[in-house]
Amino acid sequence: MDDREEILEQIEEPIEMQKEKHSFLYDIYSLLHDLVYILAAITLIFVFCVRLVGVSGASMNPTLHDGDYLALQSNVIMGDLERGDIIVARELTFRDGEPIVKRVIATEGQLVQIKYDDGVLRVFVDGIRLEEDYINNGRMLTEYFFNDNDGNPNQFSMTVSKDCIFVMGDNRDNSADSRDPSIGEIHIDQVMGKVLFVVLPGADSNGKRDFSRFGAVS
């Protein structure tokens, strides 16, 4: 090997090392760049599309259980609410705005009545009795009959105001909801989102989770 070849090799080796170093740094930069975009996308999804909330209490038994974690369709994209939808909302007059999970029973302009039918308290919307196979039982408290200002102590009645919804828990005899004057009808602006599915079922008294309950909620 002559002197020229030896000099060329000595020059080429540092160049190759610089190229390898540059390639490694570029790979790190690309990875960090991609991670930033991924985190930004996840943030946007959870702010504008999907929210995660936990259930506290038994007011939605048997549909939802205490300790369930739910995925919500954010109020930004949920569209119009309909009877039967399950929502999470904040009512500032109730427990300092603690989120509540309830089912939509009626929407703007509809008349809600709770009255006896064949000796059992039933819910009527615009005069039509609701068929509610999702409720825990048919029992309901009558203490709210005197708070609706309709003058009839044997029934509860309310016409839902503009941009509001009337909500109730599925566990009718153990639920603070729109029948309760401390909650009343819920303004749409107070709705955080519509429940899509159970992400993680709550644990029972033995600490076990029934994963068969994972999935869509109706």
N, C-alpha and C. Protein backbone atom coordinates (compact mmCIF):
# COMPACT_ATOMS: atom_id res chain seq x y z
N MET A 1 0.86 -1.19 0.00
CA MET A 1 0.00 0.00 0.00
C MET A 1 0.90 1.24 0.00
N ASP A 2 0.66 2.13 -0.95
CA ASP A 2 1.49 3.33 -1.00
C ASP A 2 0.99 4.37 -0.03
N ASP A 3 1.69 5.43 0.08
CA ASP A 3 1.36 6.49 1.04
C ASP A 3 0.02 7.14 0.72
N ARG A 4 -0.28 7.27 -0.60
CA ARG A 4 -1.53 7.91 -0.98
C ARG A 4 -2.73 7.12 -0.47
N GLU A 5 -2.73 5.80 -0.65
CA GLU A 5 -3.84 4.96 -0.20
C GLU A 5 -3.99 5.01 1.32
N GLU A 6 -2.88 5.02 2.00
CA GLU A 6 -2.94 5.07 3.47
C GLU A 6 -3.56 6.38 3.94
N ILE A 7 -3.21 7.48 3.25
CA ILE A 7 -3.77 8.79 3.62
C ILE A 7 -5.27 8.82 3.35
N LEU A 8 -5.69 8.23 2.22
CA LEU A 8 -7.11 8.20 1.86
C LEU A 8 -7.91 7.42 2.88
N GLU A 9 -7.39 6.30 3.33
CA GLU A 9 -8.08 5.48 4.33
C GLU A 9 -8.25 6.23 5.64
N GLN A 10 -7.20 6.96 6.01
CA GLN A 10 -7.27 7.72 7.25
C GLN A 10 -8.33 8.82 7.17
N ILE A 11 -8.51 9.38 5.96
CA ILE A 11 -9.53 10.43 5.77
C ILE A 11 -10.93 9.83 5.75
N GLU A 12 -11.09 8.67 5.07
CA GLU A 12 -12.41 8.06 4.88
C GLU A 12 -12.99 7.55 6.19
N GLU A 13 -12.14 7.03 7.09
CA GLU A 13 -12.64 6.47 8.35
C GLU A 13 -13.37 7.51 9.18
N PRO A 14 -12.83 8.72 9.42
CA PRO A 14 -13.59 9.73 10.16
C PRO A 14 -14.87 10.15 9.46
N ILE A 15 -14.83 10.19 8.13
CA ILE A 15 -16.04 10.56 7.39
C ILE A 15 -17.15 9.55 7.63
N GLU A 16 -16.81 8.25 7.59
CA GLU A 16 -17.80 7.20 7.83
C GLU A 16 -18.34 7.30 9.24
N MET A 17 -17.48 7.57 10.20
CA MET A 17 -17.91 7.70 11.59
C MET A 17 -18.86 8.89 11.74
N GLN A 18 -18.57 9.99 11.04
CA GLN A 18 -19.44 11.15 11.09
C GLN A 18 -20.80 10.83 10.50
N LYS A 19 -20.80 10.08 9.39
CA LYS A 19 -22.06 9.69 8.77
C LYS A 19 -22.91 8.83 9.70
N GLU A 20 -22.25 7.88 10.39
CA GLU A 20 -22.98 7.00 11.33
C GLU A 20 -23.54 7.82 12.49
N LYS A 21 -22.74 8.77 12.99
CA LYS A 21 -23.19 9.62 14.09
C LYS A 21 -24.36 10.47 13.65
N HIS A 22 -24.25 11.03 12.44
CA HIS A 22 -25.33 11.86 11.90
C HIS A 22 -26.60 11.04 11.72
N SER A 23 -26.46 9.82 11.22
CA SER A 23 -27.63 8.95 11.01
C SER A 23 -28.30 8.61 12.34
N PHE A 24 -27.52 8.34 13.39
CA PHE A 24 -28.08 8.02 14.70
C PHE A 24 -28.85 9.21 15.27
N LEU A 25 -28.26 10.40 15.20
CA LEU A 25 -28.93 11.59 15.70
C LEU A 25 -30.20 11.89 14.92
N TYR A 26 -30.13 11.64 13.60
CA TYR A 26 -31.32 11.88 12.77
C TYR A 26 -32.45 10.92 13.15
N ASP A 27 -32.08 9.67 13.45
CA ASP A 27 -33.09 8.68 13.86
C ASP A 27 -33.74 9.09 15.18
N ILE A 28 -32.93 9.58 16.13
CA ILE A 28 -33.47 10.05 17.41
C ILE A 28 -34.41 11.22 17.20
N TYR A 29 -33.97 12.16 16.35
CA TYR A 29 -34.80 13.34 16.05
C TYR A 29 -36.13 12.91 15.41
N SER A 30 -36.08 12.00 14.48
CA SER A 30 -37.30 11.53 13.81
C SER A 30 -38.25 10.86 14.80
N LEU A 31 -37.66 10.06 15.71
CA LEU A 31 -38.49 9.39 16.71
C LEU A 31 -39.18 10.41 17.61
N LEU A 32 -38.44 11.38 18.10
CA LEU A 32 -39.02 12.41 18.97
C LEU A 32 -40.07 13.22 18.22
N HIS A 33 -39.80 13.50 16.97
CA HIS A 33 -40.74 14.25 16.13
C HIS A 33 -42.06 13.49 15.99
N ASP A 34 -41.95 12.18 15.74
CA ASP A 34 -43.16 11.36 15.60
C ASP A 34 -43.92 11.26 16.92
N LEU A 35 -43.16 11.14 18.04
CA LEU A 35 -43.81 11.04 19.34
C LEU A 35 -44.62 12.31 19.66
N VAL A 36 -44.07 13.46 19.31
CA VAL A 36 -44.77 14.72 19.55
C VAL A 36 -46.09 14.74 18.79
N TYR A 37 -46.08 14.30 17.54
CA TYR A 37 -47.30 14.28 16.74
C TYR A 37 -48.31 13.27 17.29
N ILE A 38 -47.80 12.14 17.74
CA ILE A 38 -48.69 11.11 18.30
C ILE A 38 -49.36 11.62 19.57
N LEU A 39 -48.56 12.23 20.47
CA LEU A 39 -49.11 12.77 21.71
C LEU A 39 -50.11 13.89 21.43
N ALA A 40 -49.81 14.71 20.45
CA ALA A 40 -50.74 15.79 20.08
C ALA A 40 -52.06 15.22 19.57
N ALA A 41 -51.97 14.17 18.75
CA ALA A 41 -53.18 13.54 18.22
C ALA A 41 -54.01 12.91 19.34
N ILE A 42 -53.33 12.23 20.27
CA ILE A 42 -54.04 11.62 21.40
C ILE A 42 -54.73 12.68 22.25
N THR A 43 -54.02 13.79 22.48
CA THR A 43 -54.59 14.89 23.26
C THR A 43 -55.84 15.44 22.59
N LEU A 44 -55.78 15.66 21.29
CA LEU A 44 -56.94 16.18 20.55
C LEU A 44 -58.11 15.21 20.61
N ILE A 45 -57.80 13.92 20.52
CA ILE A 45 -58.86 12.91 20.58
C ILE A 45 -59.57 12.95 21.92
N PHE A 46 -58.78 13.03 23.02
CA PHE A 46 -59.39 12.99 24.34
C PHE A 46 -60.03 14.33 24.75
N VAL A 47 -59.65 15.41 24.09
CA VAL A 47 -60.27 16.70 24.39
C VAL A 47 -61.54 16.88 23.58
N PHE A 48 -61.50 16.53 22.30
CA PHE A 48 -62.61 16.85 21.41
C PHE A 48 -63.46 15.65 21.01
N CYS A 49 -63.00 14.44 21.21
CA CYS A 49 -63.74 13.27 20.72
C CYS A 49 -64.18 12.33 21.84
N VAL A 50 -63.25 11.88 22.66
CA VAL A 50 -63.56 10.86 23.66
C VAL A 50 -63.03 11.31 25.02
N ARG A 51 -63.85 11.06 26.06
CA ARG A 51 -63.43 11.33 27.43
C ARG A 51 -63.59 10.06 28.25
N LEU A 52 -62.80 9.94 29.30
CA LEU A 52 -62.90 8.80 30.21
C LEU A 52 -63.38 9.30 31.57
N VAL A 53 -64.40 8.64 32.12
CA VAL A 53 -64.91 9.01 33.45
C VAL A 53 -65.21 7.74 34.23
N GLY A 54 -65.26 7.88 35.55
CA GLY A 54 -65.59 6.75 36.40
C GLY A 54 -66.98 6.92 37.00
N VAL A 55 -67.65 5.80 37.26
CA VAL A 55 -68.97 5.80 37.88
C VAL A 55 -68.82 5.70 39.39
N SER A 56 -69.54 6.55 40.10
CA SER A 56 -69.53 6.51 41.56
C SER A 56 -70.96 6.38 42.06
N GLY A 57 -71.25 5.28 42.74
CA GLY A 57 -72.60 5.06 43.25
C GLY A 57 -73.38 4.03 42.46
N ALA A 58 -74.60 3.75 42.94
CA ALA A 58 -75.41 2.67 42.37
C ALA A 58 -76.65 3.17 41.65
N SER A 59 -76.70 4.46 41.30
CA SER A 59 -77.93 5.02 40.74
C SER A 59 -78.25 4.50 39.34
N MET A 60 -77.26 3.90 38.65
CA MET A 60 -77.50 3.39 37.30
C MET A 60 -77.51 1.86 37.23
N ASN A 61 -77.56 1.20 38.39
CA ASN A 61 -77.73 -0.27 38.37
C ASN A 61 -79.07 -0.61 37.71
N PRO A 62 -79.14 -1.70 36.96
CA PRO A 62 -78.09 -2.69 36.69
C PRO A 62 -77.24 -2.39 35.45
N THR A 63 -77.54 -1.28 34.75
CA THR A 63 -76.82 -0.97 33.51
C THR A 63 -75.35 -0.67 33.76
N LEU A 64 -75.09 0.19 34.74
CA LEU A 64 -73.73 0.56 35.11
C LEU A 64 -73.53 0.31 36.59
N HIS A 65 -72.31 -0.05 36.95
CA HIS A 65 -72.00 -0.38 38.35
C HIS A 65 -71.01 0.62 38.93
N ASP A 66 -71.02 0.71 40.23
CA ASP A 66 -70.05 1.56 40.93
C ASP A 66 -68.64 1.11 40.58
N GLY A 67 -67.79 2.07 40.19
CA GLY A 67 -66.41 1.75 39.85
C GLY A 67 -66.18 1.50 38.37
N ASP A 68 -67.23 1.45 37.56
CA ASP A 68 -67.04 1.29 36.11
C ASP A 68 -66.30 2.49 35.54
N TYR A 69 -65.46 2.23 34.55
CA TYR A 69 -64.84 3.32 33.79
C TYR A 69 -65.46 3.35 32.40
N LEU A 70 -65.90 4.56 32.01
CA LEU A 70 -66.67 4.71 30.79
C LEU A 70 -65.94 5.57 29.76
N ALA A 71 -66.17 5.27 28.49
CA ALA A 71 -65.71 6.14 27.40
C ALA A 71 -66.91 6.97 26.94
N LEU A 72 -66.72 8.28 26.90
CA LEU A 72 -67.78 9.19 26.48
C LEU A 72 -67.48 9.74 25.10
N GLN A 73 -68.54 9.91 24.32
CA GLN A 73 -68.44 10.70 23.11
C GLN A 73 -68.58 12.16 23.53
N SER A 74 -67.55 12.95 23.33
CA SER A 74 -67.51 14.31 23.85
C SER A 74 -68.70 15.14 23.37
N ASN A 75 -69.10 16.10 24.21
CA ASN A 75 -70.21 16.99 23.84
C ASN A 75 -69.90 17.81 22.59
N VAL A 76 -68.63 17.90 22.22
CA VAL A 76 -68.26 18.64 21.02
C VAL A 76 -68.81 17.97 19.77
N ILE A 77 -68.88 16.63 19.78
CA ILE A 77 -69.27 15.90 18.57
C ILE A 77 -70.48 14.98 18.78
N MET A 78 -71.11 15.01 19.96
CA MET A 78 -72.14 14.00 20.26
C MET A 78 -73.45 14.24 19.51
N GLY A 79 -73.69 15.47 19.02
CA GLY A 79 -74.93 15.75 18.30
C GLY A 79 -76.12 15.85 19.24
N ASP A 80 -77.31 15.75 18.68
CA ASP A 80 -78.53 15.88 19.48
C ASP A 80 -78.74 14.64 20.34
N LEU A 81 -79.20 14.86 21.57
CA LEU A 81 -79.48 13.76 22.48
C LEU A 81 -80.90 13.27 22.27
N GLU A 82 -81.11 11.97 22.49
CA GLU A 82 -82.42 11.35 22.33
C GLU A 82 -82.76 10.56 23.58
N ARG A 83 -84.05 10.30 23.73
CA ARG A 83 -84.49 9.48 24.86
C ARG A 83 -83.79 8.11 24.82
N GLY A 84 -83.29 7.70 25.97
CA GLY A 84 -82.57 6.43 26.07
C GLY A 84 -81.07 6.58 26.10
N ASP A 85 -80.55 7.72 25.62
CA ASP A 85 -79.11 7.95 25.70
C ASP A 85 -78.68 8.05 27.17
N ILE A 86 -77.49 7.56 27.45
CA ILE A 86 -76.91 7.70 28.79
C ILE A 86 -75.84 8.78 28.72
N ILE A 87 -75.93 9.75 29.62
CA ILE A 87 -75.03 10.90 29.56
C ILE A 87 -74.33 11.11 30.90
N VAL A 88 -73.24 11.86 30.84
CA VAL A 88 -72.57 12.34 32.05
C VAL A 88 -72.68 13.86 32.03
N ALA A 89 -73.11 14.43 33.15
CA ALA A 89 -73.32 15.88 33.21
C ALA A 89 -72.87 16.43 34.54
N ARG A 90 -72.72 17.74 34.58
CA ARG A 90 -72.44 18.44 35.83
C ARG A 90 -73.60 19.39 36.10
N GLU A 91 -74.13 19.33 37.30
CA GLU A 91 -75.15 20.27 37.75
C GLU A 91 -74.60 20.99 38.96
N LEU A 92 -74.28 22.28 38.79
CA LEU A 92 -73.57 23.03 39.83
C LEU A 92 -74.34 23.10 41.14
N THR A 93 -75.67 22.94 41.07
CA THR A 93 -76.48 22.99 42.29
C THR A 93 -76.46 21.68 43.06
N PHE A 94 -75.81 20.65 42.51
CA PHE A 94 -75.80 19.33 43.14
C PHE A 94 -74.37 18.90 43.42
N ARG A 95 -74.04 18.76 44.69
CA ARG A 95 -72.73 18.27 45.13
C ARG A 95 -71.57 19.01 44.47
N ASP A 96 -71.71 20.33 44.40
CA ASP A 96 -70.64 21.20 43.88
C ASP A 96 -70.21 20.83 42.46
N GLY A 97 -71.16 20.39 41.67
CA GLY A 97 -70.85 20.10 40.27
C GLY A 97 -70.22 18.75 40.02
N GLU A 98 -70.30 17.85 40.99
CA GLU A 98 -69.76 16.49 40.80
C GLU A 98 -70.47 15.82 39.61
N PRO A 99 -69.74 15.20 38.69
CA PRO A 99 -70.38 14.58 37.52
C PRO A 99 -71.40 13.51 37.92
N ILE A 100 -72.51 13.47 37.22
CA ILE A 100 -73.53 12.46 37.45
C ILE A 100 -73.79 11.71 36.15
N VAL A 101 -74.11 10.43 36.27
CA VAL A 101 -74.39 9.58 35.10
C VAL A 101 -75.87 9.23 35.15
N LYS A 102 -76.62 9.57 34.11
CA LYS A 102 -78.06 9.33 34.07
C LYS A 102 -78.51 9.00 32.66
N ARG A 103 -79.78 8.57 32.57
CA ARG A 103 -80.38 8.26 31.27
C ARG A 103 -81.34 9.37 30.87
N VAL A 104 -81.29 9.75 29.59
CA VAL A 104 -82.21 10.77 29.08
C VAL A 104 -83.61 10.17 28.95
N ILE A 105 -84.57 10.83 29.60
CA ILE A 105 -85.96 10.38 29.56
C ILE A 105 -86.79 11.23 28.61
N ALA A 106 -86.51 12.52 28.56
CA ALA A 106 -87.27 13.42 27.69
C ALA A 106 -86.39 14.59 27.30
N THR A 107 -86.74 15.22 26.18
CA THR A 107 -85.98 16.36 25.69
C THR A 107 -86.88 17.59 25.59
N GLU A 108 -86.30 18.65 25.10
CA GLU A 108 -86.96 19.95 25.04
C GLU A 108 -88.42 19.89 24.57
N GLY A 109 -89.31 20.48 25.37
CA GLY A 109 -90.71 20.60 25.00
C GLY A 109 -91.58 19.41 25.35
N GLN A 110 -91.00 18.30 25.80
CA GLN A 110 -91.79 17.12 26.10
C GLN A 110 -92.31 17.17 27.53
N LEU A 111 -93.49 16.58 27.72
CA LEU A 111 -94.12 16.52 29.04
C LEU A 111 -93.80 15.19 29.70
N VAL A 112 -93.17 15.25 30.87
CA VAL A 112 -92.85 14.05 31.65
C VAL A 112 -93.86 13.94 32.79
N GLN A 113 -94.45 12.76 32.93
CA GLN A 113 -95.36 12.49 34.05
C GLN A 113 -94.96 11.16 34.68
N ILE A 114 -94.96 11.15 36.00
CA ILE A 114 -94.76 9.91 36.76
C ILE A 114 -96.03 9.72 37.58
N LYS A 115 -96.76 8.65 37.28
CA LYS A 115 -98.05 8.44 37.94
C LYS A 115 -98.37 6.96 38.00
N TYR A 116 -99.40 6.65 38.76
CA TYR A 116 -99.78 5.25 38.93
C TYR A 116 -100.51 4.73 37.69
N ASP A 117 -100.14 3.52 37.32
CA ASP A 117 -100.80 2.82 36.22
C ASP A 117 -100.96 1.37 36.65
N ASP A 118 -102.21 0.95 36.83
CA ASP A 118 -102.48 -0.40 37.37
C ASP A 118 -101.79 -0.61 38.71
N GLY A 119 -101.78 0.44 39.53
CA GLY A 119 -101.23 0.35 40.87
C GLY A 119 -99.72 0.45 40.95
N VAL A 120 -99.04 0.66 39.81
CA VAL A 120 -97.58 0.76 39.79
C VAL A 120 -97.19 2.11 39.21
N LEU A 121 -96.20 2.76 39.82
CA LEU A 121 -95.72 4.03 39.30
C LEU A 121 -94.99 3.82 37.98
N ARG A 122 -95.41 4.55 36.97
CA ARG A 122 -94.82 4.44 35.64
C ARG A 122 -94.43 5.83 35.14
N VAL A 123 -93.54 5.86 34.14
CA VAL A 123 -93.12 7.11 33.53
C VAL A 123 -93.82 7.26 32.18
N PHE A 124 -94.41 8.43 31.96
CA PHE A 124 -95.08 8.74 30.70
C PHE A 124 -94.40 9.97 30.08
N VAL A 125 -94.21 9.94 28.77
CA VAL A 125 -93.69 11.09 28.05
C VAL A 125 -94.69 11.45 26.96
N ASP A 126 -95.22 12.67 27.04
CA ASP A 126 -96.26 13.12 26.12
C ASP A 126 -97.44 12.15 26.09
N GLY A 127 -97.77 11.63 27.27
CA GLY A 127 -98.93 10.76 27.42
C GLY A 127 -98.70 9.31 27.08
N ILE A 128 -97.52 8.95 26.64
CA ILE A 128 -97.22 7.57 26.26
C ILE A 128 -96.35 6.93 27.33
N ARG A 129 -96.79 5.78 27.84
CA ARG A 129 -96.02 5.10 28.88
C ARG A 129 -94.75 4.49 28.29
N LEU A 130 -93.64 4.71 28.98
CA LEU A 130 -92.37 4.16 28.52
C LEU A 130 -92.24 2.70 28.90
N GLU A 131 -91.75 1.90 27.97
CA GLU A 131 -91.42 0.51 28.26
C GLU A 131 -89.95 0.47 28.63
N GLU A 132 -89.67 0.30 29.91
CA GLU A 132 -88.30 0.45 30.40
C GLU A 132 -87.77 -0.87 30.96
N ASP A 133 -87.24 -1.69 30.08
CA ASP A 133 -86.72 -2.98 30.52
C ASP A 133 -85.33 -2.84 31.16
N TYR A 134 -84.79 -1.63 31.16
CA TYR A 134 -83.45 -1.41 31.69
C TYR A 134 -83.44 -1.03 33.16
N ILE A 135 -84.61 -0.74 33.75
CA ILE A 135 -84.61 -0.27 35.13
C ILE A 135 -84.42 -1.42 36.11
N ASN A 136 -83.96 -1.06 37.30
CA ASN A 136 -83.67 -2.06 38.33
C ASN A 136 -84.95 -2.68 38.87
N ASN A 137 -85.95 -1.82 39.09
CA ASN A 137 -87.26 -2.29 39.53
C ASN A 137 -88.27 -1.17 39.30
N GLY A 138 -89.51 -1.44 39.54
CA GLY A 138 -90.55 -0.46 39.28
C GLY A 138 -90.83 0.51 40.40
N ARG A 139 -90.13 0.35 41.52
CA ARG A 139 -90.41 1.21 42.66
C ARG A 139 -89.84 2.61 42.44
N MET A 140 -90.59 3.62 42.86
CA MET A 140 -90.11 4.99 42.79
C MET A 140 -90.61 5.76 44.00
N LEU A 141 -89.78 6.70 44.44
CA LEU A 141 -90.17 7.54 45.57
C LEU A 141 -91.25 8.53 45.15
N THR A 142 -92.18 8.77 46.07
CA THR A 142 -93.26 9.73 45.77
C THR A 142 -93.03 11.07 46.45
N GLU A 143 -91.92 11.21 47.15
CA GLU A 143 -91.67 12.45 47.89
C GLU A 143 -91.53 13.66 46.97
N TYR A 144 -91.16 13.43 45.70
CA TYR A 144 -90.99 14.54 44.78
C TYR A 144 -92.31 15.00 44.16
N PHE A 145 -93.39 14.30 44.42
CA PHE A 145 -94.69 14.67 43.84
C PHE A 145 -95.14 16.06 44.31
N PHE A 146 -94.62 16.48 45.45
CA PHE A 146 -95.05 17.75 46.03
C PHE A 146 -94.15 18.91 45.61
N ASN A 147 -93.13 18.62 44.79
CA ASN A 147 -92.17 19.66 44.43
C ASN A 147 -92.28 20.12 42.98
N ASP A 148 -93.30 19.63 42.26
CA ASP A 148 -93.37 19.94 40.84
C ASP A 148 -94.36 21.05 40.50
N ASN A 149 -95.07 21.55 41.50
CA ASN A 149 -95.97 22.69 41.32
C ASN A 149 -97.12 22.44 40.34
N ASP A 150 -97.50 21.18 40.13
CA ASP A 150 -98.65 20.92 39.25
C ASP A 150 -99.96 20.82 40.03
N GLY A 151 -99.87 20.90 41.36
CA GLY A 151 -101.08 20.87 42.17
C GLY A 151 -101.68 19.51 42.37
N ASN A 152 -101.04 18.47 41.85
CA ASN A 152 -101.56 17.10 41.98
C ASN A 152 -100.59 16.30 42.85
N PRO A 153 -100.99 15.95 44.08
CA PRO A 153 -100.09 15.21 44.97
C PRO A 153 -99.92 13.74 44.59
N ASN A 154 -100.66 13.29 43.58
CA ASN A 154 -100.60 11.87 43.19
C ASN A 154 -99.74 11.63 41.96
N GLN A 155 -99.08 12.66 41.47
CA GLN A 155 -98.22 12.46 40.31
C GLN A 155 -97.15 13.55 40.27
N PHE A 156 -96.12 13.27 39.48
CA PHE A 156 -95.07 14.25 39.20
C PHE A 156 -95.22 14.63 37.74
N SER A 157 -95.12 15.91 37.43
CA SER A 157 -95.17 16.31 36.02
C SER A 157 -94.26 17.50 35.78
N MET A 158 -93.63 17.52 34.62
CA MET A 158 -92.73 18.62 34.24
C MET A 158 -92.64 18.68 32.73
N THR A 159 -92.75 19.88 32.18
CA THR A 159 -92.50 20.09 30.76
C THR A 159 -91.06 20.57 30.62
N VAL A 160 -90.28 19.87 29.81
CA VAL A 160 -88.84 20.14 29.69
C VAL A 160 -88.62 21.47 28.98
N SER A 161 -87.79 22.30 29.58
CA SER A 161 -87.52 23.64 29.06
C SER A 161 -86.64 23.58 27.81
N LYS A 162 -86.55 24.72 27.13
CA LYS A 162 -85.72 24.84 25.93
C LYS A 162 -84.26 24.55 26.27
N ASP A 163 -83.61 23.80 25.39
CA ASP A 163 -82.19 23.44 25.53
C ASP A 163 -81.90 22.65 26.80
N CYS A 164 -82.89 21.89 27.27
CA CYS A 164 -82.70 21.09 28.47
C CYS A 164 -83.13 19.64 28.22
N ILE A 165 -82.75 18.76 29.14
CA ILE A 165 -83.17 17.37 29.10
C ILE A 165 -83.62 16.96 30.50
N PHE A 166 -84.50 15.97 30.55
CA PHE A 166 -84.95 15.38 31.81
C PHE A 166 -84.28 14.02 31.93
N VAL A 167 -83.60 13.78 33.06
CA VAL A 167 -82.82 12.54 33.20
C VAL A 167 -83.24 11.80 34.46
N MET A 168 -83.04 10.48 34.43
CA MET A 168 -83.31 9.64 35.59
C MET A 168 -82.27 8.52 35.63
N GLY A 169 -82.04 8.01 36.84
CA GLY A 169 -81.18 6.84 36.98
C GLY A 169 -81.98 5.57 36.75
N ASP A 170 -81.31 4.51 36.30
CA ASP A 170 -82.00 3.24 36.07
C ASP A 170 -82.41 2.57 37.38
N ASN A 171 -81.70 2.89 38.45
CA ASN A 171 -82.03 2.36 39.77
C ASN A 171 -82.99 3.35 40.43
N ARG A 172 -84.25 3.30 40.03
CA ARG A 172 -85.21 4.36 40.28
C ARG A 172 -85.43 4.69 41.74
N ASP A 173 -85.36 3.72 42.63
CA ASP A 173 -85.60 4.02 44.05
C ASP A 173 -84.32 4.39 44.79
N ASN A 174 -83.22 4.57 44.04
CA ASN A 174 -81.95 4.95 44.66
C ASN A 174 -81.17 5.88 43.72
N SER A 175 -81.86 6.92 43.26
CA SER A 175 -81.23 7.83 42.30
C SER A 175 -81.69 9.26 42.53
N ALA A 176 -80.72 10.16 42.68
CA ALA A 176 -81.01 11.59 42.67
C ALA A 176 -80.90 12.05 41.22
N ASP A 177 -81.99 12.55 40.67
CA ASP A 177 -82.01 12.91 39.25
C ASP A 177 -82.94 14.09 39.03
N SER A 178 -83.52 14.22 37.84
CA SER A 178 -84.32 15.40 37.52
C SER A 178 -85.59 15.51 38.35
N ARG A 179 -85.95 14.46 39.07
CA ARG A 179 -87.08 14.55 40.00
C ARG A 179 -86.70 15.37 41.22
N ASP A 180 -85.43 15.40 41.53
CA ASP A 180 -84.93 16.08 42.72
C ASP A 180 -84.75 17.57 42.41
N PRO A 181 -85.36 18.45 43.20
CA PRO A 181 -85.23 19.89 42.93
C PRO A 181 -83.80 20.41 43.01
N SER A 182 -82.89 19.69 43.68
CA SER A 182 -81.50 20.13 43.73
C SER A 182 -80.77 19.85 42.41
N ILE A 183 -81.38 19.05 41.54
CA ILE A 183 -80.82 18.77 40.22
C ILE A 183 -81.73 19.35 39.14
N GLY A 184 -82.96 18.88 39.11
CA GLY A 184 -83.91 19.36 38.10
C GLY A 184 -83.49 18.99 36.69
N GLU A 185 -84.09 19.65 35.72
CA GLU A 185 -83.72 19.39 34.34
C GLU A 185 -82.29 19.87 34.09
N ILE A 186 -81.60 19.19 33.17
CA ILE A 186 -80.19 19.48 32.90
C ILE A 186 -80.09 20.29 31.61
N HIS A 187 -79.40 21.42 31.70
CA HIS A 187 -79.16 22.21 30.49
C HIS A 187 -78.11 21.51 29.63
N ILE A 188 -78.30 21.58 28.32
CA ILE A 188 -77.40 20.89 27.39
C ILE A 188 -75.94 21.30 27.62
N ASP A 189 -75.73 22.56 27.98
CA ASP A 189 -74.36 23.03 28.19
C ASP A 189 -73.66 22.30 29.34
N GLN A 190 -74.44 21.68 30.24
CA GLN A 190 -73.86 20.98 31.38
C GLN A 190 -73.49 19.53 31.07
N VAL A 191 -73.87 19.06 29.89
CA VAL A 191 -73.60 17.68 29.49
C VAL A 191 -72.15 17.56 29.02
N MET A 192 -71.41 16.66 29.63
CA MET A 192 -70.01 16.44 29.26
C MET A 192 -69.89 15.53 28.04
N GLY A 193 -70.82 14.59 27.92
CA GLY A 193 -70.76 13.68 26.79
C GLY A 193 -71.74 12.53 26.93
N LYS A 194 -71.82 11.74 25.88
CA LYS A 194 -72.72 10.58 25.83
C LYS A 194 -71.91 9.30 26.01
N VAL A 195 -72.39 8.41 26.87
CA VAL A 195 -71.67 7.17 27.17
C VAL A 195 -71.69 6.25 25.96
N LEU A 196 -70.51 5.78 25.59
CA LEU A 196 -70.38 4.84 24.47
C LEU A 196 -70.24 3.40 24.95
N PHE A 197 -69.26 3.17 25.82
CA PHE A 197 -69.05 1.79 26.28
C PHE A 197 -68.29 1.77 27.60
N VAL A 198 -68.35 0.61 28.23
CA VAL A 198 -67.59 0.38 29.47
C VAL A 198 -66.17 -0.02 29.08
N VAL A 199 -65.20 0.78 29.54
CA VAL A 199 -63.80 0.50 29.25
C VAL A 199 -63.24 -0.53 30.22
N LEU A 200 -63.61 -0.34 31.51
CA LEU A 200 -63.14 -1.25 32.57
C LEU A 200 -64.27 -1.44 33.57
N PRO A 201 -64.81 -2.66 33.68
CA PRO A 201 -65.88 -2.89 34.66
C PRO A 201 -65.39 -2.69 36.09
N GLY A 202 -66.27 -2.21 36.95
CA GLY A 202 -65.92 -2.02 38.34
C GLY A 202 -65.78 -3.34 39.06
N ALA A 203 -65.01 -3.34 40.15
CA ALA A 203 -64.78 -4.55 40.93
C ALA A 203 -65.92 -4.76 41.92
N ASP A 204 -66.25 -6.03 42.18
CA ASP A 204 -67.28 -6.32 43.16
C ASP A 204 -66.68 -6.32 44.56
N SER A 205 -67.47 -6.73 45.54
CA SER A 205 -67.00 -6.70 46.93
C SER A 205 -65.81 -7.61 47.17
N ASN A 206 -65.60 -8.59 46.27
CA ASN A 206 -64.46 -9.50 46.39
C ASN A 206 -63.27 -9.03 45.56
N GLY A 207 -63.41 -7.86 44.95
CA GLY A 207 -62.32 -7.33 44.15
C GLY A 207 -62.24 -7.91 42.75
N LYS A 208 -63.26 -8.65 42.32
CA LYS A 208 -63.26 -9.27 41.00
C LYS A 208 -64.04 -8.40 40.01
N ARG A 209 -63.64 -8.43 38.76
CA ARG A 209 -64.29 -7.66 37.70
C ARG A 209 -64.95 -8.60 36.70
N ASP A 210 -66.17 -8.28 36.33
CA ASP A 210 -66.90 -9.07 35.35
C ASP A 210 -66.63 -8.50 33.96
N PHE A 211 -65.62 -9.05 33.29
CA PHE A 211 -65.21 -8.51 32.00
C PHE A 211 -66.21 -8.80 30.88
N SER A 212 -67.24 -9.59 31.16
CA SER A 212 -68.29 -9.79 30.17
C SER A 212 -69.10 -8.52 29.98
N ARG A 213 -68.97 -7.57 30.93
CA ARG A 213 -69.68 -6.30 30.84
C ARG A 213 -68.93 -5.27 30.02
N PHE A 214 -67.73 -5.61 29.59
CA PHE A 214 -66.95 -4.71 28.74
C PHE A 214 -67.68 -4.54 27.40
N GLY A 215 -67.76 -3.30 26.94
CA GLY A 215 -68.35 -3.07 25.62
C GLY A 215 -69.41 -1.99 25.63
N ALA A 216 -70.19 -1.96 24.54
CA ALA A 216 -71.18 -0.90 24.31
C ALA A 216 -72.25 -0.90 25.39
N VAL A 217 -72.77 0.29 25.69
CA VAL A 217 -73.81 0.47 26.72
C VAL A 217 -75.08 0.94 26.03
N SER A 218 -76.21 0.37 26.46
CA SER A 218 -77.50 0.81 25.90
C SER A 218 -78.54 0.87 27.00
